[in-house]
Amino acid sequence: MNDFTTLSQNSRKYPKLLHEISNPPKKLYARGNLALLESNCFAIVGTRANTVNAEANTRFFTRGLVSYGLTIVSGLAFGIDAIAHQETLEHGGQTIAVLGNGIDEIRPAANEWLGKSILENNGLILSEYPPGTPTQAHHFPARNRIISGLSVGTLVVEAPKKSGALITAQRAFEQSREVFVVPGALREETMQGNNHLIANDVARLVRTPEDIIAHLREQPALFLEPLIKKTREPRLTTQAQKQVFNLLSKNPNTPFDPDNVLKKTKLSIVEVSVALAYLELKGHIKNLGYGQYMCAT
């Protein structure tokens, strides 16, 4: 099998973010679209034995993050990984799968169809293991550092106490990457890992994809610059949204309260309130507190 590319650490296409971690793979073996290694990547991980609720949450967050142009990274395992890859493809997004075995075979075998679908849709499959390397248990914790290392952030959707997703979250934390987590009921076994991450200040609790995007926008790291530029192109559907956004974006350093907006736009109170709520939710403006808003520059 020769349809793969080998990337050493001094290769021009070797991912920049992986260079920053403490133990980057000496070589990467890749099949598919290498350009994705230069895109803004975000990891979504979780248990293999997911609940129905976790599946819904995975699809919700994946759709949202794809809409902001992020490349979704996961491990092609059963459960949350597979759902994240599949939802990305269904919504026209880009995804990277990182294997725990040799690059020549897609494992688990039951997900071979999904791996092929990723390649057919301009995605990418990566491994640090050369062709012929069988799957071994210790490969997966090592694989997880690559998933987090490629990504500007990691979301844990559902993880019991002994989930491999917690290893990915810990690696991301050690790599000084952002870790986000969906909160769960205190006594729900499948969410004990999530709650542990929150309780130990490893992860930030999020309720929507916009919570993640809003936080990433605040980070000064240079590697987020393309993401910031991409996500600031608002999709505005009403005249009120357009007028309010226009006003705030033309005065990026000036806080506005609803009364100011009313006077400047001549819109109704309801139109202004709804437009402000929508623009804040989408991350186009930020709420400064005390009823004041400013463009999210």
C-alpha atoms as a PDB file:
ATOM      1  CA  MET A   1       0.000   0.000   0.000  1.00  0.00           C
ATOM      2  CA  ASN A   2       1.650   3.237  -1.196  1.00  0.00           C
ATOM      3  CA  ASP A   3      -1.140   5.837  -1.060  1.00  0.00           C
ATOM      4  CA  PHE A   4       0.212   7.511   2.060  1.00  0.00           C
ATOM      5  CA  THR A   5       2.629  10.336   2.782  1.00  0.00           C
ATOM      6  CA  THR A   6       5.319  10.294   5.461  1.00  0.00           C
ATOM      7  CA  LEU A   7       5.950  13.551   7.311  1.00  0.00           C
ATOM      8  CA  SER A   8       9.054  13.928   9.462  1.00  0.00           C
ATOM      9  CA  GLN A   9       9.367  16.707  12.025  1.00  0.00           C
ATOM     10  CA  ASN A  10      11.402  18.840   9.612  1.00  0.00           C
ATOM     11  CA  SER A  11       8.843  18.452   6.825  1.00  0.00           C
ATOM     12  CA  ARG A  12       7.205  21.681   5.674  1.00  0.00           C
ATOM     13  CA  LYS A  13       3.769  20.100   6.072  1.00  0.00           C
ATOM     14  CA  TYR A  14       4.338  18.788   9.596  1.00  0.00           C
ATOM     15  CA  PRO A  15       1.626  20.435  11.766  1.00  0.00           C
ATOM     16  CA  LYS A  16       2.905  23.550  13.555  1.00  0.00           C
ATOM     17  CA  LEU A  17       0.826  22.909  16.666  1.00  0.00           C
ATOM     18  CA  LEU A  18       2.318  19.440  17.095  1.00  0.00           C
ATOM     19  CA  HIS A  19       5.788  20.987  17.190  1.00  0.00           C
ATOM     20  CA  GLU A  20       4.693  22.793  20.366  1.00  0.00           C
ATOM     21  CA  ILE A  21       3.895  19.702  22.452  1.00  0.00           C
ATOM     22  CA  SER A  22       6.493  18.034  24.673  1.00  0.00           C
ATOM     23  CA  ASN A  23       6.685  14.717  22.816  1.00  0.00           C
ATOM     24  CA  PRO A  24       5.637  15.195  19.188  1.00  0.00           C
ATOM     25  CA  PRO A  25       5.635  12.085  16.991  1.00  0.00           C
ATOM     26  CA  LYS A  26       8.906  11.716  15.112  1.00  0.00           C
ATOM     27  CA  LYS A  27       6.945  10.792  12.002  1.00  0.00           C
ATOM     28  CA  LEU A  28       3.380  11.082  10.847  1.00  0.00           C
ATOM     29  CA  TYR A  29       1.833   8.881   8.207  1.00  0.00           C
ATOM     30  CA  ALA A  30      -1.039  10.502   6.330  1.00  0.00           C
ATOM     31  CA  ARG A  31      -3.724   9.533   3.829  1.00  0.00           C
ATOM     32  CA  GLY A  32      -5.892  12.203   2.258  1.00  0.00           C
ATOM     33  CA  ASN A  33      -5.990  15.984   2.295  1.00  0.00           C
ATOM     34  CA  LEU A  34      -2.748  17.283   3.837  1.00  0.00           C
ATOM     35  CA  ALA A  35      -4.001  20.884   3.600  1.00  0.00           C
ATOM     36  CA  LEU A  36      -6.157  20.175   6.661  1.00  0.00           C
ATOM     37  CA  LEU A  37      -2.990  20.160   8.765  1.00  0.00           C
ATOM     38  CA  GLU A  38      -2.827  23.925   8.201  1.00  0.00           C
ATOM     39  CA  SER A  39      -6.475  24.523   9.114  1.00  0.00           C
ATOM     40  CA  ASN A  40      -7.955  25.440  12.504  1.00  0.00           C
ATOM     41  CA  CYS A  41      -8.546  22.070  14.146  1.00  0.00           C
ATOM     42  CA  PHE A  42     -10.772  21.277  17.109  1.00  0.00           C
ATOM     43  CA  ALA A  43     -11.068  17.911  18.874  1.00  0.00           C
ATOM     44  CA  ILE A  44     -14.356  16.294  19.928  1.00  0.00           C
ATOM     45  CA  VAL A  45     -14.032  13.172  22.090  1.00  0.00           C
ATOM     46  CA  GLY A  46     -16.020  10.982  24.455  1.00  0.00           C
ATOM     47  CA  THR A  47     -16.986   7.498  25.494  1.00  0.00           C
ATOM     48  CA  ARG A  48     -17.405   4.587  23.107  1.00  0.00           C
ATOM     49  CA  ALA A  49     -20.624   3.533  24.889  1.00  0.00           C
ATOM     50  CA  ASN A  50     -22.505   6.807  24.544  1.00  0.00           C
ATOM     51  CA  THR A  51     -26.029   7.585  25.682  1.00  0.00           C
ATOM     52  CA  VAL A  52     -28.767   8.896  23.389  1.00  0.00           C
ATOM     53  CA  ASN A  53     -28.456  12.310  25.039  1.00  0.00           C
ATOM     54  CA  ALA A  54     -24.705  12.393  24.396  1.00  0.00           C
ATOM     55  CA  GLU A  55     -25.263  11.557  20.736  1.00  0.00           C
ATOM     56  CA  ALA A  56     -27.636  14.528  20.451  1.00  0.00           C
ATOM     57  CA  ASN A  57     -25.084  16.786  22.175  1.00  0.00           C
ATOM     58  CA  THR A  58     -22.276  15.569  19.917  1.00  0.00           C
ATOM     59  CA  ARG A  59     -24.312  16.320  16.807  1.00  0.00           C
ATOM     60  CA  PHE A  60     -25.349  19.737  18.168  1.00  0.00           C
ATOM     61  CA  PHE A  61     -21.805  20.861  19.019  1.00  0.00           C
ATOM     62  CA  THR A  62     -20.269  19.343  15.889  1.00  0.00           C
ATOM     63  CA  ARG A  63     -22.744  21.103  13.568  1.00  0.00           C
ATOM     64  CA  GLY A  64     -22.133  24.388  15.311  1.00  0.00           C
ATOM     65  CA  LEU A  65     -18.337  24.185  15.260  1.00  0.00           C
ATOM     66  CA  VAL A  66     -18.337  23.091  11.611  1.00  0.00           C
ATOM     67  CA  SER A  67     -20.409  26.166  10.773  1.00  0.00           C
ATOM     68  CA  TYR A  68     -17.522  28.317  12.078  1.00  0.00           C
ATOM     69  CA  GLY A  69     -15.064  26.640   9.733  1.00  0.00           C
ATOM     70  CA  LEU A  70     -13.293  24.423  12.253  1.00  0.00           C
ATOM     71  CA  THR A  71     -11.814  21.079  11.173  1.00  0.00           C
ATOM     72  CA  ILE A  72     -13.072  18.378  13.540  1.00  0.00           C
ATOM     73  CA  VAL A  73     -10.463  15.961  14.903  1.00  0.00           C
ATOM     74  CA  SER A  74     -11.251  12.665  16.626  1.00  0.00           C
ATOM     75  CA  GLY A  75     -10.095   9.052  16.888  1.00  0.00           C
ATOM     76  CA  LEU A  76     -12.500   7.085  14.643  1.00  0.00           C
ATOM     77  CA  ALA A  77     -13.489   4.913  17.632  1.00  0.00           C
ATOM     78  CA  PHE A  78     -17.027   3.722  18.304  1.00  0.00           C
ATOM     79  CA  GLY A  79     -19.376   6.143  20.036  1.00  0.00           C
ATOM     80  CA  ILE A  80     -18.688   9.870  20.279  1.00  0.00           C
ATOM     81  CA  ASP A  81     -15.687   9.812  17.901  1.00  0.00           C
ATOM     82  CA  ALA A  82     -17.618   8.186  15.081  1.00  0.00           C
ATOM     83  CA  ILE A  83     -20.641  10.441  15.605  1.00  0.00           C
ATOM     84  CA  ALA A  84     -18.458  13.565  15.425  1.00  0.00           C
ATOM     85  CA  HIS A  85     -16.795  12.420  12.182  1.00  0.00           C
ATOM     86  CA  GLN A  86     -20.122  11.426  10.648  1.00  0.00           C
ATOM     87  CA  GLU A  87     -21.942  14.627  11.613  1.00  0.00           C
ATOM     88  CA  THR A  88     -19.081  16.688  10.193  1.00  0.00           C
ATOM     89  CA  LEU A  89     -19.348  14.928   6.844  1.00  0.00           C
ATOM     90  CA  GLU A  90     -23.150  15.215   6.788  1.00  0.00           C
ATOM     91  CA  HIS A  91     -22.851  18.991   7.143  1.00  0.00           C
ATOM     92  CA  GLY A  92     -20.128  19.482   4.544  1.00  0.00           C
ATOM     93  CA  GLY A  93     -17.331  19.968   7.068  1.00  0.00           C
ATOM     94  CA  GLN A  94     -13.742  18.758   7.166  1.00  0.00           C
ATOM     95  CA  THR A  95     -12.469  16.107   9.536  1.00  0.00           C
ATOM     96  CA  ILE A  96      -9.257  14.359  10.581  1.00  0.00           C
ATOM     97  CA  ALA A  97      -9.195  10.847  12.082  1.00  0.00           C
ATOM     98  CA  VAL A  98      -6.157   9.777  14.122  1.00  0.00           C
ATOM     99  CA  LEU A  99      -5.571   6.020  14.292  1.00  0.00           C
ATOM    100  CA  GLY A 100      -3.960   3.839  16.955  1.00  0.00           C
ATOM    101  CA  ASN A 101      -2.610   1.367  14.406  1.00  0.00           C
ATOM    102  CA  GLY A 102      -0.699   1.349  11.122  1.00  0.00           C
ATOM    103  CA  ILE A 103      -1.785   3.789   8.453  1.00  0.00           C
ATOM    104  CA  ASP A 104      -2.538   0.999   5.958  1.00  0.00           C
ATOM    105  CA  GLU A 105      -5.637  -0.318   7.739  1.00  0.00           C
ATOM    106  CA  ILE A 106      -8.669   1.495   9.107  1.00  0.00           C
ATOM    107  CA  ARG A 107      -9.518   0.202  12.566  1.00  0.00           C
ATOM    108  CA  PRO A 108     -11.876  -0.689  14.109  1.00  0.00           C
ATOM    109  CA  ALA A 109     -12.916  -2.712  11.079  1.00  0.00           C
ATOM    110  CA  ALA A 110     -16.583  -1.882  11.694  1.00  0.00           C
ATOM    111  CA  ASN A 111     -15.742   1.788  11.051  1.00  0.00           C
ATOM    112  CA  GLU A 112     -13.839   1.130   7.836  1.00  0.00           C
ATOM    113  CA  TRP A 113     -16.781   2.536   5.859  1.00  0.00           C
ATOM    114  CA  LEU A 114     -16.503   5.783   7.844  1.00  0.00           C
ATOM    115  CA  GLY A 115     -12.763   6.042   7.240  1.00  0.00           C
ATOM    116  CA  LYS A 116     -13.318   5.577   3.514  1.00  0.00           C
ATOM    117  CA  SER A 117     -16.056   8.205   3.599  1.00  0.00           C
ATOM    118  CA  ILE A 118     -13.653  10.640   5.267  1.00  0.00           C
ATOM    119  CA  LEU A 119     -11.111  10.102   2.481  1.00  0.00           C
ATOM    120  CA  GLU A 120     -13.767  10.370  -0.242  1.00  0.00           C
ATOM    121  CA  ASN A 121     -14.895  13.717   1.199  1.00  0.00           C
ATOM    122  CA  ASN A 122     -11.496  15.414   1.195  1.00  0.00           C
ATOM    123  CA  GLY A 123     -10.696  14.493   4.785  1.00  0.00           C
ATOM    124  CA  LEU A 124      -7.514  13.135   6.325  1.00  0.00           C
ATOM    125  CA  ILE A 125      -6.434  10.017   8.215  1.00  0.00           C
ATOM    126  CA  LEU A 126      -3.286  10.189  10.348  1.00  0.00           C
ATOM    127  CA  SER A 127      -1.164   7.786  12.369  1.00  0.00           C
ATOM    128  CA  GLU A 128       2.264   7.803  13.947  1.00  0.00           C
ATOM    129  CA  TYR A 129       2.467   4.083  13.176  1.00  0.00           C
ATOM    130  CA  PRO A 130       3.844   2.759   9.871  1.00  0.00           C
ATOM    131  CA  PRO A 131       2.022   0.223   7.702  1.00  0.00           C
ATOM    132  CA  GLY A 132       1.658  -3.213   9.248  1.00  0.00           C
ATOM    133  CA  THR A 133       1.552  -2.004  12.869  1.00  0.00           C
ATOM    134  CA  PRO A 134      -1.269  -3.849  14.684  1.00  0.00           C
ATOM    135  CA  THR A 135      -3.610  -2.210  17.153  1.00  0.00           C
ATOM    136  CA  GLN A 136      -2.324  -2.399  20.726  1.00  0.00           C
ATOM    137  CA  ALA A 137      -3.861  -1.060  23.936  1.00  0.00           C
ATOM    138  CA  HIS A 138      -0.981   1.290  24.743  1.00  0.00           C
ATOM    139  CA  HIS A 139      -1.259   2.953  21.328  1.00  0.00           C
ATOM    140  CA  PHE A 140      -4.488   4.733  22.250  1.00  0.00           C
ATOM    141  CA  PRO A 141      -3.220   6.922  25.128  1.00  0.00           C
ATOM    142  CA  ALA A 142      -0.296   7.860  22.846  1.00  0.00           C
ATOM    143  CA  ARG A 143      -2.711   8.555  19.971  1.00  0.00           C
ATOM    144  CA  ASN A 144      -4.736  10.884  22.202  1.00  0.00           C
ATOM    145  CA  ARG A 145      -1.845  13.350  22.599  1.00  0.00           C
ATOM    146  CA  ILE A 146      -1.889  13.785  18.809  1.00  0.00           C
ATOM    147  CA  ILE A 147      -5.637  14.447  18.765  1.00  0.00           C
ATOM    148  CA  SER A 148      -5.279  17.198  21.368  1.00  0.00           C
ATOM    149  CA  GLY A 149      -1.927  18.389  20.022  1.00  0.00           C
ATOM    150  CA  LEU A 150      -3.357  19.086  16.563  1.00  0.00           C
ATOM    151  CA  SER A 151      -6.213  21.117  18.019  1.00  0.00           C
ATOM    152  CA  VAL A 152      -6.745  24.623  19.376  1.00  0.00           C
ATOM    153  CA  GLY A 153      -9.208  23.110  21.831  1.00  0.00           C
ATOM    154  CA  THR A 154     -10.814  19.849  22.937  1.00  0.00           C
ATOM    155  CA  LEU A 155     -14.451  19.197  23.838  1.00  0.00           C
ATOM    156  CA  VAL A 156     -15.362  16.240  26.063  1.00  0.00           C
ATOM    157  CA  VAL A 157     -19.009  15.366  25.412  1.00  0.00           C
ATOM    158  CA  GLU A 158     -19.514  12.339  27.670  1.00  0.00           C
ATOM    159  CA  ALA A 159     -16.941  10.480  29.745  1.00  0.00           C
ATOM    160  CA  PRO A 160     -17.258   8.054  32.666  1.00  0.00           C
ATOM    161  CA  LYS A 161     -14.476   7.885  35.261  1.00  0.00           C
ATOM    162  CA  LYS A 162     -12.209   5.575  33.235  1.00  0.00           C
ATOM    163  CA  SER A 163     -12.834   6.949  29.755  1.00  0.00           C
ATOM    164  CA  GLY A 164      -9.951   7.440  27.326  1.00  0.00           C
ATOM    165  CA  ALA A 165     -11.471  10.850  26.615  1.00  0.00           C
ATOM    166  CA  LEU A 166     -10.153  11.963  30.012  1.00  0.00           C
ATOM    167  CA  ILE A 167      -6.631  11.131  28.843  1.00  0.00           C
ATOM    168  CA  THR A 168      -7.170  13.344  25.796  1.00  0.00           C
ATOM    169  CA  ALA A 169      -8.445  16.143  28.038  1.00  0.00           C
ATOM    170  CA  GLN A 170      -5.447  15.762  30.367  1.00  0.00           C
ATOM    171  CA  ARG A 171      -3.030  15.840  27.425  1.00  0.00           C
ATOM    172  CA  ALA A 172      -4.726  18.983  26.099  1.00  0.00           C
ATOM    173  CA  PHE A 173      -4.438  20.606  29.531  1.00  0.00           C
ATOM    174  CA  GLU A 174      -0.736  19.701  29.748  1.00  0.00           C
ATOM    175  CA  GLN A 175      -0.236  21.114  26.239  1.00  0.00           C
ATOM    176  CA  SER A 176      -1.764  24.444  27.371  1.00  0.00           C
ATOM    177  CA  ARG A 177      -4.700  23.973  25.019  1.00  0.00           C
ATOM    178  CA  GLU A 178      -8.263  24.868  25.860  1.00  0.00           C
ATOM    179  CA  VAL A 179     -10.440  22.092  27.306  1.00  0.00           C
ATOM    180  CA  PHE A 180     -14.231  22.340  27.228  1.00  0.00           C
ATOM    181  CA  VAL A 181     -16.791  19.996  28.704  1.00  0.00           C
ATOM    182  CA  VAL A 182     -20.540  19.407  28.532  1.00  0.00           C
ATOM    183  CA  PRO A 183     -21.915  19.317  32.112  1.00  0.00           C
ATOM    184  CA  GLY A 184     -23.859  16.310  33.397  1.00  0.00           C
ATOM    185  CA  ALA A 185     -26.081  15.227  36.258  1.00  0.00           C
ATOM    186  CA  LEU A 186     -24.100  14.630  39.454  1.00  0.00           C
ATOM    187  CA  ARG A 187     -25.124  10.973  39.809  1.00  0.00           C
ATOM    188  CA  GLU A 188     -25.019  10.032  36.155  1.00  0.00           C
ATOM    189  CA  GLU A 189     -22.257   7.444  35.769  1.00  0.00           C
ATOM    190  CA  THR A 190     -21.459   8.281  32.146  1.00  0.00           C
ATOM    191  CA  MET A 191     -20.845  11.934  33.070  1.00  0.00           C
ATOM    192  CA  GLN A 192     -18.614  11.434  36.117  1.00  0.00           C
ATOM    193  CA  GLY A 193     -15.500  12.190  34.087  1.00  0.00           C
ATOM    194  CA  ASN A 194     -17.035  15.421  32.780  1.00  0.00           C
ATOM    195  CA  ASN A 195     -17.878  16.602  36.277  1.00  0.00           C
ATOM    196  CA  HIS A 196     -14.404  15.618  37.502  1.00  0.00           C
ATOM    197  CA  LEU A 197     -12.807  17.836  34.837  1.00  0.00           C
ATOM    198  CA  ILE A 198     -14.982  20.782  35.868  1.00  0.00           C
ATOM    199  CA  ALA A 199     -14.394  20.258  39.609  1.00  0.00           C
ATOM    200  CA  ASN A 200     -10.623  20.166  39.117  1.00  0.00           C
ATOM    201  CA  ASP A 201     -10.497  23.278  36.902  1.00  0.00           C
ATOM    202  CA  VAL A 202      -9.163  21.290  33.962  1.00  0.00           C
ATOM    203  CA  ALA A 203     -12.076  22.179  31.691  1.00  0.00           C
ATOM    204  CA  ARG A 204     -14.459  25.044  31.028  1.00  0.00           C
ATOM    205  CA  LEU A 205     -18.190  24.269  31.140  1.00  0.00           C
ATOM    206  CA  VAL A 206     -19.974  25.052  27.863  1.00  0.00           C
ATOM    207  CA  ARG A 207     -23.622  24.910  26.815  1.00  0.00           C
ATOM    208  CA  THR A 208     -23.428  25.893  23.132  1.00  0.00           C
ATOM    209  CA  PRO A 209     -20.885  25.971  20.294  1.00  0.00           C
ATOM    210  CA  GLU A 210     -20.981  29.768  20.622  1.00  0.00           C
ATOM    211  CA  ASP A 211     -19.631  29.452  24.191  1.00  0.00           C
ATOM    212  CA  ILE A 212     -16.561  27.749  22.722  1.00  0.00           C
ATOM    213  CA  ILE A 213     -16.126  30.194  19.843  1.00  0.00           C
ATOM    214  CA  ALA A 214     -16.527  33.222  22.115  1.00  0.00           C
ATOM    215  CA  HIS A 215     -13.772  31.936  24.386  1.00  0.00           C
ATOM    216  CA  LEU A 216     -11.417  31.034  21.536  1.00  0.00           C
ATOM    217  CA  ARG A 217     -11.818  34.545  20.162  1.00  0.00           C
ATOM    218  CA  GLU A 218     -10.487  35.989  23.400  1.00  0.00           C
ATOM    219  CA  GLN A 219      -7.206  34.088  23.165  1.00  0.00           C
ATOM    220  CA  PRO A 220      -4.219  36.153  21.999  1.00  0.00           C
ATOM    221  CA  ALA A 221      -2.315  33.183  20.516  1.00  0.00           C
ATOM    222  CA  LEU A 222      -1.278  33.826  16.934  1.00  0.00           C
ATOM    223  CA  PHE A 223      -2.498  30.473  15.686  1.00  0.00           C
ATOM    224  CA  LEU A 224      -6.088  31.607  16.315  1.00  0.00           C
ATOM    225  CA  GLU A 225      -5.855  34.600  13.989  1.00  0.00           C
ATOM    226  CA  PRO A 226      -7.350  32.876  10.913  1.00  0.00           C
ATOM    227  CA  LEU A 227     -10.214  31.568  13.055  1.00  0.00           C
ATOM    228  CA  ILE A 228     -10.990  35.044  14.336  1.00  0.00           C
ATOM    229  CA  LYS A 229     -11.083  36.474  10.828  1.00  0.00           C
ATOM    230  CA  LYS A 230     -13.281  33.676   9.542  1.00  0.00           C
ATOM    231  CA  THR A 231     -15.850  33.756  12.324  1.00  0.00           C
ATOM    232  CA  ARG A 232     -16.333  37.509  12.159  1.00  0.00           C
ATOM    233  CA  GLU A 233     -18.211  37.337   8.907  1.00  0.00           C
ATOM    234  CA  PRO A 234     -21.753  37.532  10.311  1.00  0.00           C
ATOM    235  CA  ARG A 235     -24.744  35.887   8.697  1.00  0.00           C
ATOM    236  CA  LEU A 236     -27.447  38.452   9.326  1.00  0.00           C
ATOM    237  CA  THR A 237     -31.005  37.649   8.303  1.00  0.00           C
ATOM    238  CA  THR A 238     -33.059  40.697   9.368  1.00  0.00           C
ATOM    239  CA  GLN A 239     -32.758  44.409   8.770  1.00  0.00           C
ATOM    240  CA  ALA A 240     -32.659  44.993  12.517  1.00  0.00           C
ATOM    241  CA  GLN A 241     -29.673  42.663  12.912  1.00  0.00           C
ATOM    242  CA  LYS A 242     -27.895  44.417  10.064  1.00  0.00           C
ATOM    243  CA  GLN A 243     -28.559  47.907  11.438  1.00  0.00           C
ATOM    244  CA  VAL A 244     -27.477  47.057  14.979  1.00  0.00           C
ATOM    245  CA  PHE A 245     -24.346  45.229  13.842  1.00  0.00           C
ATOM    246  CA  ASN A 246     -23.502  48.085  11.466  1.00  0.00           C
ATOM    247  CA  LEU A 247     -23.745  50.596  14.277  1.00  0.00           C
ATOM    248  CA  LEU A 248     -21.532  48.646  16.673  1.00  0.00           C
ATOM    249  CA  SER A 249     -18.981  47.557  14.053  1.00  0.00           C
ATOM    250  CA  LYS A 250     -18.488  51.145  12.830  1.00  0.00           C
ATOM    251  CA  ASN A 251     -17.737  52.178  16.426  1.00  0.00           C
ATOM    252  CA  PRO A 252     -15.698  49.163  17.601  1.00  0.00           C
ATOM    253  CA  ASN A 253     -14.291  50.836  20.715  1.00  0.00           C
ATOM    254  CA  THR A 254     -17.525  52.440  21.881  1.00  0.00           C
ATOM    255  CA  PRO A 255     -19.897  50.680  24.316  1.00  0.00           C
ATOM    256  CA  PHE A 256     -23.611  51.057  23.492  1.00  0.00           C
ATOM    257  CA  ASP A 257     -26.635  50.456  25.676  1.00  0.00           C
ATOM    258  CA  PRO A 258     -30.079  49.643  24.188  1.00  0.00           C
ATOM    259  CA  ASP A 259     -31.189  53.280  24.553  1.00  0.00           C
ATOM    260  CA  ASN A 260     -28.240  54.451  22.422  1.00  0.00           C
ATOM    261  CA  VAL A 261     -29.066  51.815  19.824  1.00  0.00           C
ATOM    262  CA  LEU A 262     -32.738  52.850  19.804  1.00  0.00           C
ATOM    263  CA  LYS A 263     -31.847  56.493  19.171  1.00  0.00           C
ATOM    264  CA  LYS A 264     -29.282  55.756  16.468  1.00  0.00           C
ATOM    265  CA  THR A 265     -31.241  53.128  14.521  1.00  0.00           C
ATOM    266  CA  LYS A 266     -34.871  54.310  15.031  1.00  0.00           C
ATOM    267  CA  LEU A 267     -35.847  50.651  15.539  1.00  0.00           C
ATOM    268  CA  SER A 268     -38.473  49.462  18.041  1.00  0.00           C
ATOM    269  CA  ILE A 269     -37.541  48.195  21.513  1.00  0.00           C
ATOM    270  CA  VAL A 270     -38.480  44.640  20.519  1.00  0.00           C
ATOM    271  CA  GLU A 271     -36.372  44.771  17.322  1.00  0.00           C
ATOM    272  CA  VAL A 272     -33.335  46.077  19.212  1.00  0.00           C
ATOM    273  CA  SER A 273     -33.680  43.517  22.040  1.00  0.00           C
ATOM    274  CA  VAL A 274     -34.021  40.577  19.663  1.00  0.00           C
ATOM    275  CA  ALA A 275     -31.166  41.775  17.442  1.00  0.00           C
ATOM    276  CA  LEU A 276     -28.814  42.278  20.413  1.00  0.00           C
ATOM    277  CA  ALA A 277     -29.645  38.826  21.787  1.00  0.00           C
ATOM    278  CA  TYR A 278     -29.020  37.189  18.402  1.00  0.00           C
ATOM    279  CA  LEU A 279     -25.733  39.022  17.781  1.00  0.00           C
ATOM    280  CA  GLU A 280     -24.478  38.170  21.266  1.00  0.00           C
ATOM    281  CA  LEU A 281     -25.414  34.500  20.866  1.00  0.00           C
ATOM    282  CA  LYS A 282     -23.554  34.307  17.570  1.00  0.00           C
ATOM    283  CA  GLY A 283     -20.488  35.961  19.069  1.00  0.00           C
ATOM    284  CA  HIS A 284     -20.607  39.067  16.854  1.00  0.00           C
ATOM    285  CA  ILE A 285     -20.986  41.409  19.836  1.00  0.00           C
ATOM    286  CA  LYS A 286     -20.126  41.026  23.507  1.00  0.00           C
ATOM    287  CA  ASN A 287     -22.128  41.916  26.591  1.00  0.00           C
ATOM    288  CA  LEU A 288     -19.959  44.072  28.852  1.00  0.00           C
ATOM    289  CA  GLY A 289     -22.446  43.987  31.710  1.00  0.00           C
ATOM    290  CA  TYR A 290     -24.528  46.845  33.083  1.00  0.00           C
ATOM    291  CA  GLY A 291     -26.566  46.795  29.871  1.00  0.00           C
ATOM    292  CA  GLN A 292     -23.657  47.734  27.602  1.00  0.00           C
ATOM    293  CA  TYR A 293     -22.617  46.031  24.354  1.00  0.00           C
ATOM    294  CA  MET A 294     -19.595  46.318  22.109  1.00  0.00           C
ATOM    295  CA  CYS A 295     -18.522  44.809  18.803  1.00  0.00           C
ATOM    296  CA  ALA A 296     -16.473  41.618  19.376  1.00  0.00           C
ATOM    297  CA  THR A 297     -13.247  42.829  17.764  1.00  0.00           C
END
